[in-house]
Amino acid sequence: MKILVIRFSSMGDIIYTTPVVRCLKKQLPDAEIHFLTKPAFRYIYDANPYLDKLLLLKDKLGDTIAEIKKEKYDYIIDLHSNLRTAIIKLRTGVQSSTYKKQRIKKWLSLKFNLKLVPLTHLVDRYLETVKFLNVTNDSQSIDYYIKGSYQLSDLLPETHQNGYVAFVIGATHFTKRMPNDKIISICRQINYPVVLLGGEDVKANGEVITQALGNKVYNACGITSLDQSVYLVANAISIIGFDTGLTHIAEAFNKPIVSVWGGTVPELLGVQPYHVEKVLVAGIDLPCRPCSKFGLGHCPLGHFKCMNDMPEEPIINFANNTISS
């Protein structure tokens, strides 16, 4: 049996496909499992032992379709469910099973602040697509495999090599990120050194935070690669992070996580931390929340209460109690 799983983007959505690939391979050990994604996200599956072959989406969809036809798959598991995957399924003629996105329920929930989307994790919804193969959920966490061989002494100053809290301050959209002064206040009250993680886009934010707190905080934003950042979250005492890919990847290591949500909500997307033993999901109820499904460049109402009014004490207590235990 030869099976192609498809998910083109984004980082968080693809990391949650890893239990599907693992369950397919472990429960159908004679099957050959392939995965198709965009080149930008190949790193998620590069070292995955449950995958037999990784296919990368080509510039011309016709070239990808030709490659799929050549492989002669028995089944396509479509975890993206968009126009391109519909064309792929139509033109290849391969028997398929498709993830149900619940677009109308999500739109109504967002537009009218309703709770129409069942509280089912994205992983469980993905796994519905392989039930016809008698593949079931193994109730394990997501998978991520660090590619490089690193040492904390090569990545962190000596002050941070004997235990630290990783704070993922990056996120694609403004409404997912906590203001700098809020992060400064939280970091000041955490009982261990703090390592800030994120991309080049939040490096300046990290500098503002380190200037306020001195040697207690190390700003690794824009310095460490993604793989190195994953290594740092894997070795942290605990993690605080926003709705962003690195925070989701951190779930693979079963470390205590504070998952902080501003203008987006995990219930709408089904992406709350998955099979992590110690979790705090931080977010406040507001009539304007969620303001979007994936985040915005600014607060539509200008007050940004979802982050500005976020209680700090539960986050601090969780981090400090995790450390002491």
Protein backbone atom coordinates (compact mmCIF):
# COMPACT_ATOMS: atom_id res chain seq x y z
CA MET A 1 0.00 0.00 0.00
CA LYS A 2 1.25 3.49 -0.88
CA ILE A 3 -0.26 6.56 0.80
CA LEU A 4 0.29 10.28 0.18
CA VAL A 5 -0.57 12.74 2.96
CA ILE A 6 -0.96 16.38 1.91
CA ARG A 7 -0.68 19.56 3.96
CA PHE A 8 0.95 22.59 2.33
CA SER A 9 1.12 25.05 5.26
CA SER A 10 1.58 26.47 7.84
CA MET A 11 4.09 25.49 10.54
CA GLY A 12 1.52 24.85 13.28
CA ASP A 13 -0.91 23.01 11.00
CA ILE A 14 1.83 20.77 9.63
CA ILE A 15 3.31 19.90 13.04
CA TYR A 16 -0.15 18.60 14.00
CA THR A 17 -0.12 16.20 11.03
CA THR A 18 2.79 14.25 12.53
CA PRO A 19 0.57 11.95 14.65
CA VAL A 20 -1.30 10.99 11.47
CA VAL A 21 1.92 9.97 9.71
CA ARG A 22 3.14 8.11 12.81
CA CYS A 23 -0.13 6.22 13.29
CA LEU A 24 -0.26 5.27 9.60
CA LYS A 25 3.29 3.92 9.63
CA LYS A 26 3.08 2.08 12.95
CA GLN A 27 -0.35 0.58 12.36
CA LEU A 28 0.20 -0.18 8.67
CA PRO A 29 3.90 -1.18 8.85
CA ASP A 30 3.97 -2.56 5.29
CA ALA A 31 2.59 0.68 3.84
CA GLU A 32 4.79 3.31 2.24
CA ILE A 33 3.96 6.76 3.63
CA HIS A 34 4.79 9.93 1.68
CA PHE A 35 4.08 13.57 2.57
CA LEU A 36 3.59 16.59 0.28
CA THR A 37 4.17 20.13 1.53
CA LYS A 38 5.69 23.47 0.50
CA PRO A 39 9.51 23.67 0.41
CA ALA A 40 9.45 26.26 3.22
CA PHE A 41 8.13 23.63 5.65
CA ARG A 42 10.24 20.62 4.72
CA TYR A 43 12.21 20.94 7.98
CA ILE A 44 9.22 19.61 9.94
CA TYR A 45 9.56 16.20 8.28
CA ASP A 46 13.23 16.14 7.29
CA ALA A 47 14.31 13.75 10.06
CA ASN A 48 10.98 12.04 10.75
CA PRO A 49 11.53 8.24 10.97
CA TYR A 50 7.89 7.44 10.16
CA LEU A 51 8.05 9.03 6.70
CA ASP A 52 9.35 7.11 3.67
CA LYS A 53 9.48 10.03 1.25
CA LEU A 54 8.98 13.81 1.34
CA LEU A 55 7.55 15.51 -1.76
CA LEU A 56 7.80 19.27 -2.21
CA LEU A 57 5.19 21.36 -3.98
CA LYS A 58 6.58 22.64 -7.28
CA ASP A 59 6.08 26.08 -8.84
CA LYS A 60 3.74 24.59 -11.43
CA LEU A 61 0.93 22.47 -10.02
CA GLY A 62 1.00 20.36 -13.17
CA ASP A 63 4.54 19.24 -12.34
CA THR A 64 3.44 18.12 -8.87
CA ILE A 65 0.48 16.27 -10.36
CA ALA A 66 2.81 14.48 -12.79
CA GLU A 67 5.04 13.43 -9.89
CA ILE A 68 2.05 12.10 -7.96
CA LYS A 69 0.81 10.12 -10.96
CA LYS A 70 4.26 8.59 -11.36
CA GLU A 71 4.24 7.34 -7.75
CA LYS A 72 0.98 5.38 -8.30
CA TYR A 73 -0.54 5.97 -4.88
CA ASP A 74 -3.35 3.84 -3.51
CA TYR A 75 -4.73 6.65 -1.34
CA ILE A 76 -4.42 10.40 -0.85
CA ILE A 77 -5.07 11.75 2.65
CA ASP A 78 -5.92 15.41 2.08
CA LEU A 79 -5.34 17.38 5.29
CA HIS A 80 -5.42 20.77 3.59
CA SER A 81 -8.69 20.70 1.66
CA ASN A 82 -8.34 23.66 -0.65
CA LEU A 83 -8.60 24.34 -4.40
CA ARG A 84 -5.15 22.98 -5.18
CA THR A 85 -5.72 19.71 -3.38
CA ALA A 86 -9.11 19.40 -5.07
CA ILE A 87 -7.39 19.78 -8.47
CA ILE A 88 -4.74 17.23 -7.48
CA LYS A 89 -7.38 14.68 -6.48
CA LEU A 90 -9.43 15.30 -9.60
CA ARG A 91 -6.53 15.06 -12.05
CA THR A 92 -4.80 12.08 -10.46
CA GLY A 93 -7.96 10.08 -9.89
CA VAL A 94 -6.50 8.57 -6.71
CA GLN A 95 -8.97 7.44 -4.05
CA SER A 96 -8.92 10.05 -1.28
CA SER A 97 -10.08 10.97 2.19
CA THR A 98 -10.38 14.66 3.03
CA TYR A 99 -10.18 16.66 6.25
CA LYS A 100 -13.42 18.52 7.04
CA LYS A 101 -12.56 22.16 7.73
CA GLN A 102 -16.01 23.19 9.04
CA ARG A 103 -15.64 26.51 7.21
CA ILE A 104 -19.24 27.70 7.73
CA LYS A 105 -19.25 26.92 11.46
CA LYS A 106 -15.91 28.68 11.89
CA TRP A 107 -17.10 31.75 9.97
CA LEU A 108 -20.33 31.99 11.97
CA SER A 109 -18.45 31.49 15.24
CA LEU A 110 -16.02 34.27 14.36
CA LYS A 111 -18.59 36.66 12.89
CA PHE A 112 -21.22 36.36 15.61
CA ASN A 113 -19.09 35.24 18.57
CA LEU A 114 -20.84 31.87 18.67
CA LYS A 115 -19.43 28.54 19.84
CA LEU A 116 -20.44 26.28 16.99
CA VAL A 117 -17.14 24.47 16.49
CA PRO A 118 -16.86 21.32 18.66
CA LEU A 119 -14.00 21.30 21.17
CA THR A 120 -12.06 18.71 19.19
CA HIS A 121 -8.33 19.04 18.68
CA LEU A 122 -7.03 19.46 15.15
CA VAL A 123 -5.04 16.21 15.49
CA ASP A 124 -8.23 14.28 16.26
CA ARG A 125 -9.99 15.90 13.30
CA TYR A 126 -7.07 14.99 11.04
CA LEU A 127 -7.17 11.39 12.28
CA GLU A 128 -10.81 11.09 11.21
CA THR A 129 -9.50 10.96 7.63
CA VAL A 130 -7.69 7.64 8.19
CA LYS A 131 -10.39 5.79 10.12
CA PHE A 132 -11.42 4.00 6.93
CA LEU A 133 -8.02 2.29 7.05
CA ASN A 134 -8.71 1.18 10.64
CA VAL A 135 -5.99 3.54 11.87
CA THR A 136 -6.69 4.93 15.34
CA ASN A 137 -5.25 7.59 17.62
CA ASP A 138 -2.29 6.29 19.65
CA SER A 139 -2.79 9.11 22.19
CA GLN A 140 0.83 10.25 21.89
CA SER A 141 2.16 13.77 21.42
CA ILE A 142 3.24 15.42 18.19
CA ASP A 143 6.66 14.60 16.71
CA TYR A 144 9.60 16.86 16.00
CA TYR A 145 13.17 15.67 15.53
CA ILE A 146 16.06 18.07 16.10
CA LYS A 147 18.49 17.83 13.20
CA GLY A 148 21.67 19.31 14.62
CA SER A 149 23.92 18.41 17.53
CA TYR A 150 24.11 21.33 19.95
CA GLN A 151 25.42 22.24 23.39
CA LEU A 152 23.87 24.85 25.68
CA SER A 153 27.35 26.30 26.18
CA ASP A 154 27.49 27.14 22.46
CA LEU A 155 24.10 28.87 22.40
CA LEU A 156 23.67 30.56 25.78
CA PRO A 157 25.75 32.67 28.16
CA GLU A 158 27.02 30.94 31.32
CA THR A 159 24.28 32.63 33.38
CA HIS A 160 21.61 30.66 31.50
CA GLN A 161 23.20 27.22 31.19
CA ASN A 162 21.92 25.75 34.48
CA GLY A 163 18.20 26.13 33.96
CA TYR A 164 16.03 28.73 32.26
CA VAL A 165 12.49 29.52 31.15
CA ALA A 166 12.06 29.83 27.38
CA PHE A 167 9.75 32.71 26.39
CA VAL A 168 8.66 32.58 22.74
CA ILE A 169 7.91 36.24 22.02
CA GLY A 170 7.57 35.93 18.25
CA ALA A 171 4.32 35.47 16.32
CA THR A 172 3.30 36.35 12.79
CA HIS A 173 0.63 38.91 13.71
CA PHE A 174 0.52 41.77 16.20
CA THR A 175 -2.69 40.60 17.91
CA LYS A 176 -0.97 37.33 18.90
CA ARG A 177 1.95 39.07 20.64
CA MET A 178 2.08 40.46 24.16
CA PRO A 179 3.32 44.07 24.54
CA ASN A 180 6.92 44.48 25.67
CA ASP A 181 6.04 46.03 29.04
CA LYS A 182 3.83 43.05 29.85
CA ILE A 183 6.62 40.61 29.00
CA ILE A 184 9.07 42.66 31.08
CA SER A 185 6.74 42.54 34.08
CA ILE A 186 6.28 38.77 33.82
CA CYS A 187 9.99 38.04 33.31
CA ARG A 188 10.91 40.22 36.28
CA GLN A 189 8.82 37.98 38.58
CA ILE A 190 10.01 34.60 37.26
CA ASN A 191 12.50 32.96 39.58
CA TYR A 192 14.88 31.70 36.90
CA PRO A 193 16.82 33.20 33.98
CA VAL A 194 14.75 33.74 30.84
CA VAL A 195 15.69 33.06 27.21
CA LEU A 196 13.72 35.03 24.61
CA LEU A 197 13.04 33.18 21.35
CA GLY A 198 11.72 34.42 18.04
CA GLY A 199 12.76 35.56 14.60
CA GLU A 200 14.50 38.64 13.27
CA ASP A 201 11.13 40.46 13.31
CA VAL A 202 11.08 40.54 17.13
CA LYS A 203 14.81 40.99 17.73
CA ALA A 204 14.28 44.68 18.54
CA ASN A 205 11.51 43.74 21.00
CA GLY A 206 13.95 41.38 22.68
CA GLU A 207 16.52 44.15 22.98
CA VAL A 208 13.99 46.41 24.71
CA ILE A 209 13.20 43.63 27.19
CA THR A 210 16.86 42.83 27.92
CA GLN A 211 17.68 46.51 28.42
CA ALA A 212 14.96 46.66 31.08
CA LEU A 213 15.99 43.46 32.88
CA GLY A 214 19.73 43.14 32.34
CA ASN A 215 21.51 39.78 32.60
CA LYS A 216 18.42 37.94 33.82
CA VAL A 217 17.20 37.77 30.21
CA TYR A 218 19.11 36.58 27.15
CA ASN A 219 17.77 37.67 23.78
CA ALA A 220 18.20 34.83 21.26
CA CYS A 221 15.69 36.33 18.81
CA GLY A 222 17.13 36.48 15.31
CA ILE A 223 20.33 34.80 16.52
CA THR A 224 19.49 31.11 16.80
CA SER A 225 18.18 29.12 13.86
CA LEU A 226 14.78 27.44 14.15
CA ASP A 227 16.44 24.09 14.85
CA GLN A 228 18.58 25.66 17.58
CA SER A 229 15.51 27.39 19.02
CA VAL A 230 13.73 24.04 19.16
CA TYR A 231 16.76 22.60 20.98
CA LEU A 232 16.48 25.44 23.51
CA VAL A 233 12.78 24.86 24.19
CA ALA A 234 13.45 21.12 24.47
CA ASN A 235 15.98 21.82 27.23
CA ALA A 236 14.06 24.55 29.06
CA ILE A 237 12.51 24.09 32.50
CA SER A 238 9.26 25.45 31.11
CA ILE A 239 7.99 27.43 28.14
CA ILE A 240 5.81 30.51 27.77
CA GLY A 241 4.65 31.24 24.24
CA PHE A 242 2.01 32.73 22.01
CA ASP A 243 -0.06 31.18 19.20
CA THR A 244 2.90 30.49 16.93
CA GLY A 245 4.71 27.57 15.36
CA LEU A 246 7.61 27.31 17.83
CA THR A 247 5.21 27.14 20.78
CA HIS A 248 3.32 24.31 19.05
CA ILE A 249 6.57 22.46 18.23
CA ALA A 250 7.52 22.71 21.92
CA GLU A 251 4.66 20.32 22.69
CA ALA A 252 6.72 17.48 21.21
CA PHE A 253 8.99 17.55 24.30
CA ASN A 254 6.29 17.38 27.00
CA LYS A 255 7.65 20.35 28.90
CA PRO A 256 5.35 22.55 31.03
CA ILE A 257 3.83 25.15 28.70
CA VAL A 258 1.95 28.40 29.23
CA SER A 259 0.05 28.92 25.98
CA VAL A 260 -0.92 32.61 25.79
CA TRP A 261 -3.77 33.67 23.50
CA GLY A 262 -4.67 37.24 22.55
CA GLY A 263 -6.94 38.04 19.61
CA THR A 264 -7.19 34.40 18.49
CA VAL A 265 -8.66 31.48 20.43
CA PRO A 266 -7.56 27.82 20.47
CA GLU A 267 -11.12 26.51 20.46
CA LEU A 268 -11.83 27.92 16.98
CA LEU A 269 -8.73 26.31 15.47
CA GLY A 270 -8.50 23.22 17.67
CA VAL A 271 -4.83 23.83 18.44
CA GLN A 272 -4.59 23.90 22.23
CA PRO A 273 -1.51 22.01 23.55
CA TYR A 274 -1.83 18.33 22.67
CA HIS A 275 -0.92 15.55 25.13
CA VAL A 276 1.26 17.76 27.31
CA GLU A 277 1.13 16.87 31.01
CA LYS A 278 1.41 20.38 32.49
CA VAL A 279 -0.37 23.14 30.60
CA LEU A 280 -1.85 26.55 31.31
CA VAL A 281 -3.94 28.10 28.53
CA ALA A 282 -4.00 31.85 29.23
CA GLY A 283 -6.67 34.04 27.68
CA ILE A 284 -9.49 36.32 28.80
CA ASP A 285 -13.16 36.40 27.80
CA LEU A 286 -14.10 39.54 25.89
CA PRO A 287 -17.08 40.28 23.62
CA CYS A 288 -14.63 41.29 20.86
CA ARG A 289 -12.56 38.09 21.10
CA PRO A 290 -11.72 36.42 18.81
CA CYS A 291 -11.32 39.32 16.41
CA SER A 292 -9.88 37.04 13.71
CA LYS A 293 -9.08 33.41 13.01
CA PHE A 294 -5.34 33.79 12.41
CA GLY A 295 -4.41 37.21 13.84
CA LEU A 296 -4.28 40.83 12.64
CA GLY A 297 -1.71 43.59 12.24
CA HIS A 298 -3.49 45.77 14.81
CA CYS A 299 -6.34 45.67 17.31
CA PRO A 300 -9.53 46.54 15.38
CA LEU A 301 -10.89 48.47 18.39
CA GLY A 302 -7.60 50.07 19.38
CA HIS A 303 -7.58 48.98 23.04
CA PHE A 304 -5.88 45.56 22.70
CA LYS A 305 -7.50 44.46 25.97
CA CYS A 306 -7.01 40.77 25.21
CA MET A 307 -3.28 41.21 25.88
CA ASN A 308 -3.10 44.46 27.87
CA ASP A 309 -5.57 43.16 30.48
CA MET A 310 -4.16 39.62 30.58
CA PRO A 311 -3.66 38.61 34.25
CA GLU A 312 0.04 38.10 34.89
CA GLU A 313 -0.19 36.23 38.20
CA PRO A 314 -1.41 32.85 36.82
CA ILE A 315 1.40 32.84 34.24
CA ILE A 316 4.04 33.72 36.82
CA ASN A 317 2.70 31.25 39.40
CA PHE A 318 2.61 28.44 36.83
CA ALA A 319 6.20 29.08 35.79
CA ASN A 320 7.49 29.40 39.35
CA ASN A 321 5.55 26.40 40.70
CA THR A 322 6.78 24.29 37.80
CA ILE A 323 10.34 25.29 38.62
CA SER A 324 9.98 24.54 42.31
CA SER A 325 8.38 21.14 41.66
